[in-house]
Protein backbone atom coordinates (compact mmCIF):
# COMPACT_ATOMS: atom_id res chain seq x y z
CA MET A 1 -0.02 -0.02 -0.06
CA TYR A 2 1.01 3.54 -0.45
CA ASN A 3 2.06 5.80 2.44
CA SER A 4 -0.05 8.46 4.08
CA TYR A 5 -1.09 11.46 1.97
CA PRO A 6 1.08 14.57 2.56
CA SER A 7 -0.72 17.82 3.30
CA LYS A 8 0.40 19.56 -0.04
CA SER A 9 -0.05 18.66 -3.65
CA ASP A 10 3.66 19.36 -4.33
CA SER A 11 4.76 15.67 -4.04
CA ILE A 12 6.58 13.16 -6.36
CA LEU A 13 4.68 9.95 -6.87
CA ILE A 14 6.99 6.86 -7.18
CA VAL A 15 5.31 4.06 -8.89
CA ASP A 16 7.13 0.73 -8.67
CA ASP A 17 6.15 -2.65 -7.40
CA ASP A 18 9.62 -3.07 -6.01
CA THR A 19 9.68 -1.97 -2.44
CA ARG A 20 13.39 -1.69 -2.17
CA ILE A 21 13.52 0.59 -5.19
CA ARG A 22 10.61 2.83 -3.87
CA LYS A 23 12.54 3.06 -0.51
CA ILE A 24 15.81 4.11 -2.21
CA LEU A 25 14.05 6.80 -4.38
CA ARG A 26 11.98 8.04 -1.29
CA ILE A 27 15.07 8.46 0.94
CA ALA A 28 16.97 10.14 -1.93
CA LEU A 29 14.06 12.49 -2.81
CA GLU A 30 13.11 13.39 0.76
CA ALA A 31 16.70 14.23 1.47
CA LYS A 32 16.54 16.92 -1.20
CA GLY A 33 13.35 18.34 0.35
CA TYR A 34 10.73 16.63 -1.83
CA LEU A 35 7.57 15.06 -0.49
CA THR A 36 6.77 11.68 -1.72
CA LEU A 37 3.86 9.30 -2.47
CA GLU A 38 4.21 5.60 -3.29
CA ALA A 39 2.22 3.42 -5.28
CA ALA A 40 2.85 -0.26 -6.07
CA SER A 41 0.33 -0.86 -8.79
CA LYS A 42 -1.30 0.84 -11.74
CA LYS A 43 -4.60 1.14 -9.81
CA GLU A 44 -3.04 2.77 -6.74
CA ALA A 45 -1.09 5.11 -9.02
CA ILE A 46 -4.21 6.30 -10.83
CA GLU A 47 -6.12 6.99 -7.60
CA LEU A 48 -3.19 9.03 -6.09
CA ILE A 49 -2.82 11.12 -9.34
CA ALA A 50 -6.64 11.64 -9.40
CA LEU A 51 -7.04 12.51 -5.86
CA GLN A 52 -3.69 14.07 -4.76
CA SER A 53 -2.48 15.82 -7.83
CA PRO A 54 1.24 15.19 -7.31
CA LYS A 55 3.68 17.30 -9.21
CA LEU A 56 5.43 14.69 -11.03
CA VAL A 57 5.35 10.86 -11.47
CA LEU A 58 8.43 8.51 -11.62
CA LEU A 59 7.04 5.47 -13.28
CA ASP A 60 8.39 1.89 -13.80
CA LEU A 61 6.84 0.11 -16.71
CA GLN A 62 6.41 -3.37 -15.13
CA LEU A 63 3.34 -3.24 -12.85
CA PRO A 64 1.47 -6.19 -11.43
CA ASP A 65 -1.92 -5.10 -12.71
CA GLY A 66 -0.90 -3.37 -16.05
CA SER A 67 1.76 -1.70 -17.90
CA GLY A 68 3.35 1.73 -17.03
CA GLU A 69 2.58 2.63 -20.79
CA ASP A 70 -1.06 1.90 -20.41
CA LEU A 71 -1.13 4.06 -17.33
CA ILE A 72 0.43 7.00 -19.28
CA LYS A 73 -2.21 6.68 -21.96
CA GLU A 74 -5.07 6.59 -19.36
CA VAL A 75 -3.84 9.70 -17.33
CA ARG A 76 -3.23 11.72 -20.39
CA GLN A 77 -6.87 11.73 -21.10
CA TRP A 78 -7.40 14.01 -18.10
CA THR A 79 -4.10 15.46 -16.97
CA GLU A 80 -0.74 16.84 -18.19
CA ILE A 81 1.16 15.89 -15.08
CA PRO A 82 4.88 15.29 -15.97
CA VAL A 83 5.79 11.54 -16.12
CA ILE A 84 9.40 10.48 -16.19
CA VAL A 85 9.77 6.70 -17.15
CA LEU A 86 12.41 4.68 -15.28
CA SER A 87 13.20 1.38 -16.93
CA VAL A 88 15.85 -0.97 -18.05
CA ILE A 89 14.60 -0.93 -21.61
CA ASN A 90 17.07 0.81 -23.80
CA GLN A 91 16.08 0.55 -27.36
CA ASP A 92 15.28 3.77 -29.32
CA GLU A 93 12.07 2.55 -30.70
CA ASP A 94 10.70 1.81 -27.21
CA LYS A 95 11.62 5.26 -26.03
CA ILE A 96 9.98 6.84 -28.97
CA ARG A 97 6.88 4.79 -28.46
CA LEU A 98 6.60 5.95 -24.81
CA LEU A 99 7.23 9.54 -25.54
CA ASP A 100 4.45 9.44 -28.17
CA SER A 101 2.28 7.79 -25.52
CA GLY A 102 2.67 10.85 -23.39
CA ALA A 103 5.74 10.31 -21.29
CA ASP A 104 7.78 13.51 -20.69
CA ASP A 105 11.15 11.80 -20.31
CA TYR A 106 12.94 8.55 -19.99
CA VAL A 107 15.83 7.40 -17.73
CA THR A 108 17.42 4.22 -18.28
CA LYS A 109 18.36 2.04 -15.31
CA PRO A 110 20.72 2.07 -13.67
CA PHE A 111 21.03 5.81 -13.35
CA SER A 112 22.58 8.30 -11.00
CA MET A 113 20.39 10.32 -8.65
CA GLY A 114 22.13 13.49 -10.10
CA GLU A 115 20.91 12.77 -13.52
CA LEU A 116 17.41 11.87 -12.36
CA LEU A 117 17.13 15.09 -10.25
CA ALA A 118 18.33 16.97 -13.30
CA ARG A 119 15.66 15.47 -15.30
CA MET A 120 12.96 16.21 -12.77
CA ARG A 121 14.03 19.82 -12.50
CA THR A 122 13.59 20.09 -16.21
CA ALA A 123 10.05 18.55 -16.21
CA LEU A 124 8.86 20.57 -13.21
CA ARG A 125 10.04 23.93 -14.78
CA ARG A 126 7.12 23.63 -17.23
CA ILE A 127 4.38 23.44 -14.63
CA PRO A 128 2.36 26.57 -13.93
CA ASP A 129 1.60 27.67 -10.40
CA GLU A 130 -0.66 25.19 -8.85
CA GLU A 131 -4.12 26.55 -8.41
CA SER A 132 -6.19 23.39 -8.16
CA GLN A 133 -5.77 23.41 -4.34
CA LEU A 134 -7.07 27.01 -3.86
CA PRO A 135 -10.65 27.21 -2.77
CA TRP A 136 -12.99 27.23 -5.75
CA GLN A 137 -16.13 29.63 -5.48
CA ASP A 138 -18.97 30.57 -7.80
CA GLY A 139 -21.97 32.21 -6.45
CA ASN A 140 -23.18 30.71 -3.23
CA LEU A 141 -21.06 27.53 -3.62
CA LYS A 142 -17.45 27.40 -2.13
CA VAL A 143 -15.32 24.28 -2.24
CA ASP A 144 -12.03 24.12 -0.30
CA ILE A 145 -10.46 20.76 -1.56
CA ALA A 146 -7.37 21.03 0.53
CA ASN A 147 -9.31 21.32 3.72
CA HIS A 148 -12.21 18.90 2.73
CA GLN A 149 -14.81 21.67 3.20
CA ILE A 150 -17.79 22.60 1.05
CA MET A 151 -19.99 25.55 1.81
CA LYS A 152 -23.32 26.49 0.28
CA ASN A 153 -25.09 29.81 1.37
CA ASP A 154 -22.48 29.88 4.26
CA ASN A 155 -23.69 26.50 5.51
CA VAL A 156 -21.38 23.43 5.64
CA ILE A 157 -22.37 20.74 3.16
CA ARG A 158 -21.70 17.13 4.21
CA LEU A 159 -20.47 14.78 1.54
CA THR A 160 -19.81 11.07 1.58
CA PRO A 161 -16.24 10.26 0.75
CA THR A 162 -17.23 9.17 -2.65
CA GLU A 163 -19.20 12.18 -3.26
CA PHE A 164 -16.14 14.19 -2.23
CA GLN A 165 -13.74 12.20 -4.44
CA LEU A 166 -16.08 12.91 -7.43
CA LEU A 167 -16.43 16.65 -6.64
CA ALA A 168 -12.56 17.11 -6.11
CA PHE A 169 -11.89 15.27 -9.39
CA PHE A 170 -14.44 17.23 -11.38
CA ILE A 171 -13.16 20.58 -10.18
CA LYS A 172 -9.48 19.60 -10.72
CA ASN A 173 -10.45 18.76 -14.28
CA SER A 174 -12.66 21.71 -14.89
CA GLY A 175 -13.89 22.16 -18.50
CA LYS A 176 -12.93 18.68 -19.51
CA ILE A 177 -15.40 16.00 -20.30
CA LEU A 178 -14.71 13.00 -18.12
CA THR A 179 -15.99 9.81 -19.44
CA TYR A 180 -18.07 7.30 -17.47
CA GLU A 181 -15.00 4.88 -17.81
CA ILE A 182 -12.53 7.21 -16.39
CA LEU A 183 -14.64 8.17 -13.46
CA ILE A 184 -15.41 4.48 -12.67
CA LYS A 185 -11.68 3.55 -12.80
CA VAL A 186 -10.76 6.62 -10.61
CA ILE A 187 -13.51 5.84 -7.81
CA TRP A 188 -13.75 2.09 -7.96
CA GLY A 189 -10.49 0.91 -9.76
CA ASP A 190 -9.58 -0.91 -12.87
CA ASN A 191 -11.46 -4.06 -11.95
CA ALA A 192 -14.84 -2.49 -11.17
CA GLN A 193 -17.82 -3.89 -12.84
CA ASN A 194 -21.44 -2.87 -13.14
CA GLU A 195 -20.71 0.41 -11.43
CA MET A 196 -22.48 2.66 -13.86
CA ASN A 197 -25.59 2.77 -11.76
CA SER A 198 -23.59 3.57 -8.66
CA LEU A 199 -21.84 6.44 -10.46
CA ARG A 200 -25.10 7.87 -11.55
CA VAL A 201 -26.56 7.61 -8.09
CA HIS A 202 -23.54 9.36 -6.65
CA VAL A 203 -23.63 12.14 -9.13
CA ALA A 204 -27.44 12.61 -8.43
CA GLN A 205 -26.87 12.82 -4.75
CA LEU A 206 -23.98 15.24 -5.28
CA ARG A 207 -26.05 17.41 -7.39
CA LYS A 208 -28.83 17.49 -4.76
CA LYS A 209 -26.36 18.70 -2.20
CA ILE A 210 -24.54 21.35 -4.33
CA GLU A 211 -26.67 22.54 -7.10
CA ASN A 212 -29.31 25.27 -6.54
CA ASN A 213 -31.65 23.37 -8.83
CA PRO A 214 -30.51 19.75 -9.57
CA SER A 215 -32.63 19.44 -12.62
CA GLU A 216 -31.06 22.41 -14.23
CA PRO A 217 -27.43 22.24 -13.07
CA GLU A 218 -25.13 25.36 -13.02
CA TRP A 219 -21.88 23.44 -12.45
CA LEU A 220 -22.04 19.66 -13.01
CA PHE A 221 -23.27 18.95 -16.55
CA THR A 222 -23.98 15.67 -18.19
CA GLU A 223 -22.64 14.86 -21.64
CA PRO A 224 -25.13 12.34 -22.95
CA GLY A 225 -23.70 8.91 -23.65
CA ILE A 226 -20.12 10.08 -22.72
CA GLY A 227 -19.87 11.33 -19.09
CA TYR A 228 -19.90 14.58 -17.18
CA ARG A 229 -18.20 18.02 -17.19
CA TRP A 230 -17.59 20.50 -14.47
CA ILE A 231 -18.07 23.95 -15.99
């Protein structure tokens, strides 16, 4: 399992099923002042990317529940988070394929920490100032994702954990159409089955709590046959 969430969304996500490698990277990165998150599988990595918005991902390609390349393709549907692949594969055609899939850089194992840190600095320089953790407000609705607080007409709105996960994910991807498939994977994992009705129920409940008129939403819109979009 991954470690406890840090309080800020400026962490580095280490994705590798090898506990020893994760530990080595964690110690080295934290010694340089970075916060870290860890994932041992594709499912854990997607959940952390969606809910914690780390600054950068260090990704091994061989994962127990899917390939790192597939993970890159999936997260590129809804985020531009920098991804640096760490792998023993050293063929040019493989590197090109990974870069075409959405990876930002590729570091061949074994590598020096100096080289990796330099590649990380380059990738992080292109990230704009993080705004997704600032309180979001429109009219009488205010959402403070960092502090898990939702206010409507100056009253606290109580959400279930699943409703909060959905709301946070919608706001972090404002303006993007999020397909049913992506949402189900983020909330229930890659192996989720028959969760479409659950998704619709949670979205309906979320609308009842946050929208002024759930039948005519102001913020959370349905894209028929595709998914949902937050303004």
